């Protein structure tokens, strides 16, 4: 599976503390290799969390940092990084459900590729 990122994600990533950057790189490698791994805490969000998108997923870099992504074919597109405070304070936030294996059934693990 390939990983792509938006400019917004890239800008958010550059602002992270170094310890979280190192952790996030490990998490993204694991996401590309095994999106079902329980340590990722992947959940499908409900409603329109990203404007114009309804098929948005949430994952964790740590207890304090979350990321939002879309599944597009064999590519996971990383859209946004949020702190848990920012994420929880958003009035439109809706709690997601755990990711079902059927949501990624057509995807096969591969190396991590940030485009």
Foldseek 3Di string as FASTA:
>chain_A
DEEEEDVQAVVVLVPDDPVLNVLVVVLLQCCLQPVQPVQFQKFFFQDCPDPPDGRKIKTDSDQFKIWIWHDDQQYIYTYHMDTPVVQVPDPPGDDGGGDDCVVCVRYHHDGYHYD
